[in-house]
Amino acid sequence: MLSKEQLQWFEELTQIDGVSGHEHAVASYLHKAYFPYCDEIVRDNLGSIMAVKKSKNPNAKRVMVLAHMDEIGFLVKEVMNNGVLKIHPVGGWFAQTLLAHRVRLTTRKGDTYMGAISSTPPHMLEPKDRVKSIEIPQMVVDVGAHDKEDISKMGISVGDMIVVQGVFEQLNDHRLLAKAFDNRYGCVMSIDLLKSLKDVELDFDLYIGASVQEEVGLRGAQTITQTVKPDVAIVLDCSPANDALDSKAIGKLGEGVLIRMMDGSFIADKEMIYKLVDVCVKESIKHQYYYSNGGTDAGIVHKSLEGVKTLTCCLVARGIHTSSSILDTNDYLAAKKALMNLLVGDDLVS
């Protein structure tokens, strides 16, 4: 089971709203959480953040452990005369998951308003229209405004962030429900690892933190990698579990940390991936092999600079890229144990 502190990190971080390009509140939380456990904090100009734990080794190499802090969401695209808002997607949405969901809008001044994605009841639709999917360009958000002037008085403008509401729930001892486990899992892990390593002397300089704008093209990963210039990188992310309807599918809740050999943008460094496998076998850590057509920040990290030896340390959740994803805490604990063994081992940067 997770500790009260770990559960608190999960609840607080999943409930912060931070779509790509609007991650400042998440970054502020991480800065405060990292500060007691590191020697310095490094930021790039896009907003990515890294806590630095310095080694006493004068010739220390650099290891970067990188999550991403952004979540998918929407921006206000247009204000209609009747006070409803057209929306623009940020990140990968499946339109069928959206109608009638409640949303939270944040203005440039930080004011928040609740609303909903409007939906027409079936008896108001022609039979032919009931079977048609409604796409995002046809959707509008209603925040209760009477007209366009009312929207202006509320301080709402084009470009404001909208997030689909997904409250945090502890379903039982091992399952959590919330929005944004992709990738607030990695943000929680970054704090957890940094705190656990506070009094551990490492042979390398550890840079651990989170990038911005992963969901729209791995943008923060590019700039923070150029800033840190790591010799080795470990990327943390939350991948889709495919087992809800198919018990034989790749990616199962509760089956441990992912041995992610390759995905749509990355082939794992063979030396690094086998170190992860060996650690899992030696320490009896539950693990599962995983392949994906998607990608993570590893897709840009590994081909930065002259090339960076890169590994992913991911777990799965059901329902990612919706407001209601489910994560198994045993997978989190398996991932943490694997990462701790890698980081305190003798040959991570050999």
Protein backbone atom coordinates (compact mmCIF):
# COMPACT_ATOMS: atom_id res chain seq x y z
CA MET A 1 0.00 0.00 0.00
CA LEU A 2 1.02 3.59 -0.52
CA SER A 3 1.87 5.77 2.45
CA LYS A 4 -0.36 8.71 3.40
CA GLU A 5 2.27 11.02 1.95
CA GLN A 6 2.37 9.19 -1.38
CA LEU A 7 -1.43 9.24 -1.58
CA GLN A 8 -1.39 12.95 -0.81
CA TRP A 9 1.07 13.61 -3.63
CA PHE A 10 -1.15 11.67 -6.03
CA GLU A 11 -4.30 13.50 -4.98
CA GLU A 12 -2.78 16.97 -5.01
CA LEU A 13 -0.87 16.57 -8.27
CA THR A 14 -3.73 14.99 -10.24
CA GLN A 15 -6.07 17.78 -9.14
CA ILE A 16 -3.82 20.60 -10.31
CA ASP A 17 -4.86 21.73 -13.80
CA GLY A 18 -1.99 22.03 -16.25
CA VAL A 19 -2.55 21.42 -19.94
CA SER A 20 0.37 21.76 -22.31
CA GLY A 21 1.62 25.34 -22.28
CA HIS A 22 -0.21 26.09 -19.01
CA GLU A 23 1.84 24.00 -16.57
CA HIS A 24 2.97 26.79 -14.22
CA ALA A 25 0.85 25.62 -11.23
CA VAL A 26 2.27 22.09 -11.51
CA ALA A 27 5.80 23.46 -11.79
CA SER A 28 5.26 25.62 -8.70
CA TYR A 29 4.09 22.58 -6.72
CA LEU A 30 7.13 20.58 -7.83
CA HIS A 31 9.53 23.42 -7.01
CA LYS A 32 8.20 23.56 -3.45
CA ALA A 33 8.26 19.76 -3.09
CA TYR A 34 11.79 19.37 -4.50
CA PHE A 35 13.40 22.22 -2.59
CA PRO A 36 14.12 20.46 0.75
CA TYR A 37 15.79 17.48 -0.92
CA CYS A 38 18.14 18.94 -3.54
CA ASP A 39 21.17 21.18 -3.97
CA GLU A 40 19.67 23.42 -6.62
CA ILE A 41 16.76 23.71 -9.02
CA VAL A 42 17.23 24.26 -12.75
CA ARG A 43 14.59 25.61 -15.15
CA ASP A 44 14.59 26.04 -18.90
CA ASN A 45 12.87 28.84 -20.78
CA LEU A 46 9.82 26.71 -21.65
CA GLY A 47 9.10 25.91 -18.00
CA SER A 48 10.53 22.44 -17.44
CA ILE A 49 12.02 21.93 -13.97
CA MET A 50 14.88 19.83 -12.61
CA ALA A 51 16.02 19.23 -9.03
CA VAL A 52 19.76 18.63 -8.86
CA LYS A 53 21.47 16.32 -6.35
CA LYS A 54 25.21 16.80 -6.64
CA SER A 55 27.77 14.02 -6.25
CA LYS A 56 31.05 14.38 -4.37
CA ASN A 57 32.75 12.76 -7.36
CA PRO A 58 34.65 15.57 -9.15
CA ASN A 59 34.32 13.69 -12.45
CA ALA A 60 30.68 12.84 -11.98
CA LYS A 61 28.55 12.02 -14.99
CA ARG A 62 24.97 13.22 -15.23
CA VAL A 63 21.86 11.06 -14.92
CA MET A 64 18.52 12.63 -15.82
CA VAL A 65 15.23 11.15 -14.57
CA LEU A 66 12.47 12.86 -16.52
CA ALA A 67 8.70 12.85 -16.17
CA HIS A 68 6.33 15.27 -17.90
CA MET A 69 3.94 17.52 -16.03
CA ASP A 70 1.38 18.49 -18.69
CA GLU A 71 -2.01 16.89 -19.23
CA ILE A 72 -4.37 16.93 -22.17
CA GLY A 73 -7.20 19.47 -22.19
CA PHE A 74 -8.60 22.36 -24.20
CA LEU A 75 -8.24 26.05 -24.86
CA VAL A 76 -11.06 28.50 -25.41
CA LYS A 77 -11.18 28.92 -29.17
CA GLU A 78 -14.11 31.31 -29.65
CA VAL A 79 -16.74 33.07 -27.54
CA MET A 80 -20.20 32.82 -29.09
CA ASN A 81 -22.82 35.58 -28.83
CA ASN A 82 -24.96 33.42 -26.53
CA GLY A 83 -22.10 32.98 -24.07
CA VAL A 84 -21.05 29.42 -24.87
CA LEU A 85 -17.45 28.65 -25.77
CA LYS A 86 -15.99 26.79 -28.71
CA ILE A 87 -12.94 24.74 -27.75
CA HIS A 88 -9.63 23.70 -29.25
CA PRO A 89 -8.08 20.36 -28.17
CA VAL A 90 -4.62 20.21 -26.60
CA GLY A 91 -3.25 16.68 -26.89
CA GLY A 92 -4.90 13.47 -28.04
CA TRP A 93 -8.62 13.24 -27.30
CA PHE A 94 -11.16 10.64 -28.40
CA ALA A 95 -14.34 12.67 -28.94
CA GLN A 96 -16.67 9.93 -27.70
CA THR A 97 -15.34 10.32 -24.14
CA LEU A 98 -16.39 13.97 -23.81
CA LEU A 99 -20.07 14.88 -24.14
CA ALA A 100 -21.81 16.08 -20.93
CA HIS A 101 -18.62 15.97 -18.86
CA ARG A 102 -18.04 18.74 -16.35
CA VAL A 103 -15.06 20.99 -16.97
CA ARG A 104 -13.04 23.60 -15.11
CA LEU A 105 -11.89 26.77 -16.85
CA THR A 106 -8.95 28.85 -15.61
CA THR A 107 -8.53 32.46 -16.73
CA ARG A 108 -5.27 34.27 -17.26
CA LYS A 109 -5.67 35.80 -13.76
CA GLY A 110 -6.15 32.39 -12.17
CA ASP A 111 -9.91 32.61 -11.58
CA THR A 112 -11.71 29.30 -12.11
CA TYR A 113 -15.21 28.54 -13.36
CA MET A 114 -17.06 25.26 -13.57
CA GLY A 115 -19.00 24.31 -16.67
CA ALA A 116 -19.98 21.42 -18.88
CA ILE A 117 -19.59 20.22 -22.45
CA SER A 118 -23.10 20.57 -23.83
CA SER A 119 -25.02 17.52 -25.01
CA THR A 120 -28.35 17.23 -26.80
CA PRO A 121 -30.80 14.67 -25.34
CA PRO A 122 -31.59 11.78 -27.71
CA HIS A 123 -35.29 12.57 -28.07
CA MET A 124 -34.33 15.95 -29.53
CA LEU A 125 -32.30 14.31 -32.30
CA GLU A 126 -33.42 12.78 -35.55
CA PRO A 127 -32.87 8.98 -35.59
CA LYS A 128 -30.11 9.35 -38.19
CA ASP A 129 -28.28 11.83 -35.97
CA ARG A 130 -28.35 9.61 -32.87
CA VAL A 131 -25.85 7.20 -34.40
CA LYS A 132 -23.47 9.92 -35.58
CA SER A 133 -20.43 10.77 -33.48
CA ILE A 134 -20.07 14.38 -32.37
CA GLU A 135 -16.60 15.69 -33.06
CA ILE A 136 -14.75 18.27 -30.98
CA PRO A 137 -15.21 21.17 -33.45
CA GLN A 138 -19.00 20.73 -32.96
CA MET A 139 -18.79 20.83 -29.15
CA VAL A 140 -19.27 23.85 -26.92
CA VAL A 141 -18.63 24.50 -23.23
CA ASP A 142 -21.32 26.18 -21.12
CA VAL A 143 -20.14 28.02 -18.00
CA GLY A 144 -23.54 29.52 -17.24
CA ALA A 145 -23.00 32.85 -18.97
CA HIS A 146 -25.99 34.66 -20.46
CA ASP A 147 -24.13 36.19 -23.40
CA LYS A 148 -20.77 37.32 -24.75
CA GLU A 149 -20.75 40.38 -22.49
CA ASP A 150 -21.22 38.14 -19.47
CA ILE A 151 -18.17 36.10 -20.51
CA SER A 152 -16.14 39.30 -20.70
CA LYS A 153 -17.22 40.32 -17.20
CA MET A 154 -16.09 36.92 -15.92
CA GLY A 155 -12.62 37.62 -17.29
CA ILE A 156 -12.76 34.69 -19.72
CA SER A 157 -10.93 35.10 -23.00
CA VAL A 158 -9.67 33.14 -25.99
CA GLY A 159 -6.73 30.95 -25.00
CA ASP A 160 -7.88 30.20 -21.46
CA MET A 161 -7.28 26.65 -20.21
CA ILE A 162 -10.09 24.12 -19.84
CA VAL A 163 -9.67 20.75 -18.13
CA VAL A 164 -12.23 17.96 -17.93
CA GLN A 165 -12.96 17.40 -14.25
CA GLY A 166 -11.73 14.10 -12.81
CA VAL A 167 -11.81 13.99 -9.04
CA PHE A 168 -9.40 11.81 -7.10
CA GLU A 169 -10.86 8.65 -5.55
CA GLN A 170 -9.23 5.78 -3.71
CA LEU A 171 -11.28 2.82 -4.96
CA ASN A 172 -9.67 0.24 -2.66
CA ASP A 173 -6.26 -0.62 -1.21
CA HIS A 174 -4.62 -0.86 -4.65
CA ARG A 175 -6.63 1.14 -7.20
CA LEU A 176 -6.82 4.90 -7.66
CA LEU A 177 -9.17 6.85 -9.94
CA ALA A 178 -8.42 10.38 -11.20
CA LYS A 179 -7.57 12.51 -14.18
CA ALA A 180 -3.99 13.08 -15.32
CA PHE A 181 -2.19 9.95 -14.09
CA ASP A 182 -0.57 10.53 -17.49
CA ASN A 183 1.77 11.80 -16.29
CA ARG A 184 1.38 12.97 -12.72
CA TYR A 185 2.55 9.43 -11.92
CA GLY A 186 5.99 10.56 -13.01
CA CYS A 187 5.73 13.80 -11.05
CA VAL A 188 4.87 11.88 -7.87
CA MET A 189 7.73 9.48 -8.53
CA SER A 190 10.19 12.34 -8.99
CA ILE A 191 9.39 13.71 -5.52
CA ASP A 192 9.36 10.25 -3.98
CA LEU A 193 12.75 9.28 -5.41
CA LEU A 194 14.35 12.59 -4.51
CA LYS A 195 13.20 12.32 -0.90
CA SER A 196 14.29 8.67 -0.64
CA LEU A 197 17.76 9.54 -2.00
CA LYS A 198 18.30 12.63 0.17
CA ASP A 199 20.93 11.01 2.39
CA VAL A 200 22.35 8.61 -0.20
CA GLU A 201 25.71 9.44 -1.77
CA LEU A 202 25.61 8.87 -5.53
CA ASP A 203 28.55 8.55 -7.89
CA PHE A 204 26.81 10.78 -10.44
CA ASP A 205 24.99 14.10 -10.46
CA LEU A 206 21.27 13.37 -10.42
CA TYR A 207 18.89 15.64 -12.31
CA ILE A 208 15.30 14.68 -11.59
CA GLY A 209 12.17 16.53 -12.63
CA ALA A 210 9.51 17.10 -15.24
CA SER A 211 9.17 18.55 -18.71
CA VAL A 212 6.42 20.66 -20.23
CA GLN A 213 4.48 20.13 -23.46
CA GLU A 214 5.06 16.40 -23.87
CA GLU A 215 1.50 15.83 -25.06
CA VAL A 216 1.93 18.16 -28.03
CA GLY A 217 5.27 16.95 -29.34
CA LEU A 218 7.91 16.34 -26.62
CA ARG A 219 8.86 20.01 -26.69
CA GLY A 220 10.02 20.49 -23.12
CA ALA A 221 12.05 17.28 -23.27
CA GLN A 222 14.09 18.77 -26.09
CA THR A 223 14.95 21.99 -24.27
CA ILE A 224 15.59 20.45 -20.85
CA THR A 225 17.85 17.77 -22.33
CA GLN A 226 19.88 20.47 -24.04
CA THR A 227 20.07 22.29 -20.70
CA VAL A 228 21.10 19.29 -18.58
CA LYS A 229 23.27 17.48 -21.15
CA PRO A 230 22.85 14.06 -19.50
CA ASP A 231 25.02 11.03 -20.08
CA VAL A 232 22.14 8.69 -19.19
CA ALA A 233 18.39 9.31 -19.05
CA ILE A 234 15.44 7.46 -17.52
CA VAL A 235 12.00 8.62 -18.70
CA LEU A 236 8.92 8.16 -16.52
CA ASP A 237 5.47 8.00 -18.10
CA CYS A 238 2.05 6.40 -17.81
CA SER A 239 1.02 4.14 -20.70
CA PRO A 240 -2.36 2.65 -21.65
CA ALA A 241 -3.49 -0.58 -19.99
CA ASN A 242 -5.32 -2.66 -22.56
CA ASP A 243 -6.74 -5.32 -20.27
CA ALA A 244 -10.22 -4.05 -19.40
CA LEU A 245 -11.84 -6.00 -22.25
CA ASP A 246 -9.00 -8.36 -23.17
CA SER A 247 -7.32 -10.36 -20.41
CA LYS A 248 -4.55 -11.41 -22.82
CA ALA A 249 -3.70 -7.88 -23.91
CA ILE A 250 -0.28 -6.31 -23.49
CA GLY A 251 -0.34 -3.87 -20.60
CA LYS A 252 -2.16 -5.17 -17.51
CA LEU A 253 -2.98 -3.43 -14.25
CA GLY A 254 -1.19 -4.99 -11.32
CA GLU A 255 1.43 -6.82 -13.39
CA GLY A 256 4.26 -4.49 -12.51
CA VAL A 257 6.68 -2.05 -14.08
CA LEU A 258 6.93 -1.99 -17.87
CA ILE A 259 9.87 -3.43 -19.78
CA ARG A 260 9.19 -1.14 -22.73
CA MET A 261 11.43 -2.47 -25.49
CA MET A 262 10.26 -0.05 -28.17
CA ASP A 263 7.44 2.24 -29.17
CA GLY A 264 6.52 4.53 -32.04
CA SER A 265 9.45 6.90 -31.49
CA PHE A 266 12.04 5.01 -29.50
CA ILE A 267 13.99 1.76 -29.23
CA ALA A 268 15.36 1.24 -25.72
CA ASP A 269 19.11 1.22 -25.27
CA LYS A 270 19.84 -2.49 -25.00
CA GLU A 271 22.40 -2.16 -22.21
CA MET A 272 19.98 -0.02 -20.18
CA ILE A 273 16.87 -2.15 -20.72
CA TYR A 274 18.66 -5.35 -19.71
CA LYS A 275 19.91 -3.64 -16.56
CA LEU A 276 16.26 -2.99 -15.71
CA VAL A 277 15.34 -6.60 -16.46
CA ASP A 278 18.22 -7.90 -14.33
CA VAL A 279 17.24 -5.67 -11.41
CA CYS A 280 13.63 -6.85 -11.59
CA VAL A 281 14.67 -10.50 -11.67
CA LYS A 282 17.28 -10.17 -8.91
CA GLU A 283 14.99 -8.20 -6.58
CA SER A 284 11.81 -10.18 -7.42
CA ILE A 285 10.11 -7.04 -8.76
CA LYS A 286 6.96 -7.68 -10.75
CA HIS A 287 7.45 -6.62 -14.38
CA GLN A 288 5.83 -7.02 -17.78
CA TYR A 289 7.03 -6.63 -21.35
CA TYR A 290 5.34 -3.85 -23.29
CA TYR A 291 5.20 -2.41 -26.78
CA SER A 292 3.31 0.66 -27.95
CA ASN A 293 2.50 2.60 -31.09
CA GLY A 294 2.63 5.77 -28.98
CA GLY A 295 5.64 7.41 -27.42
CA THR A 296 7.16 9.25 -24.48
CA ASP A 297 9.75 11.96 -23.92
CA ALA A 298 12.34 9.25 -24.61
CA GLY A 299 11.56 9.78 -28.29
CA ILE A 300 13.40 13.10 -28.28
CA VAL A 301 15.79 12.57 -25.35
CA HIS A 302 17.63 9.62 -26.88
CA LYS A 303 18.47 11.49 -30.09
CA SER A 304 19.50 14.77 -28.46
CA LEU A 305 23.07 16.08 -28.37
CA GLU A 306 25.38 13.28 -29.59
CA GLY A 307 22.79 10.72 -28.47
CA VAL A 308 21.77 9.87 -24.91
CA LYS A 309 21.58 6.32 -23.54
CA THR A 310 17.92 6.20 -22.56
CA LEU A 311 15.52 3.90 -20.73
CA THR A 312 11.85 4.27 -19.88
CA CYS A 313 10.43 3.22 -16.51
CA CYS A 314 6.69 3.35 -17.04
CA LEU A 315 3.53 1.85 -15.66
CA VAL A 316 0.06 1.43 -17.12
CA ALA A 317 -3.33 2.88 -16.26
CA ARG A 318 -6.75 2.18 -17.71
CA GLY A 319 -8.49 5.07 -19.39
CA ILE A 320 -5.57 7.42 -19.96
CA HIS A 321 -6.38 10.46 -22.11
CA THR A 322 -9.75 10.70 -20.39
CA SER A 323 -10.82 12.31 -17.13
CA SER A 324 -11.23 8.91 -15.44
CA SER A 325 -8.08 6.81 -15.44
CA ILE A 326 -7.37 3.96 -13.03
CA LEU A 327 -3.92 3.14 -11.68
CA ASP A 328 -2.73 0.20 -9.57
CA THR A 329 -0.54 1.27 -6.66
CA ASN A 330 1.33 -2.05 -6.68
CA ASP A 331 2.65 -1.09 -10.12
CA TYR A 332 3.82 2.23 -8.71
CA LEU A 333 5.63 0.51 -5.86
CA ALA A 334 7.24 -1.94 -8.29
CA ALA A 335 8.45 0.94 -10.45
CA LYS A 336 9.87 2.76 -7.43
CA LYS A 337 11.73 -0.32 -6.21
CA ALA A 338 13.19 -0.88 -9.67
CA LEU A 339 14.27 2.75 -9.98
CA MET A 340 15.86 2.85 -6.53
CA ASN A 341 17.88 -0.26 -7.30
CA LEU A 342 19.01 1.18 -10.63
CA LEU A 343 20.02 4.51 -9.14
CA VAL A 344 21.96 3.14 -6.18
CA GLY A 345 23.55 0.33 -8.19
CA ASP A 346 27.18 0.27 -9.22
CA ASP A 347 26.93 0.29 -12.99
CA LEU A 348 24.18 2.66 -14.15
CA VAL A 349 26.67 5.04 -15.76
CA SER A 350 29.56 2.63 -16.29
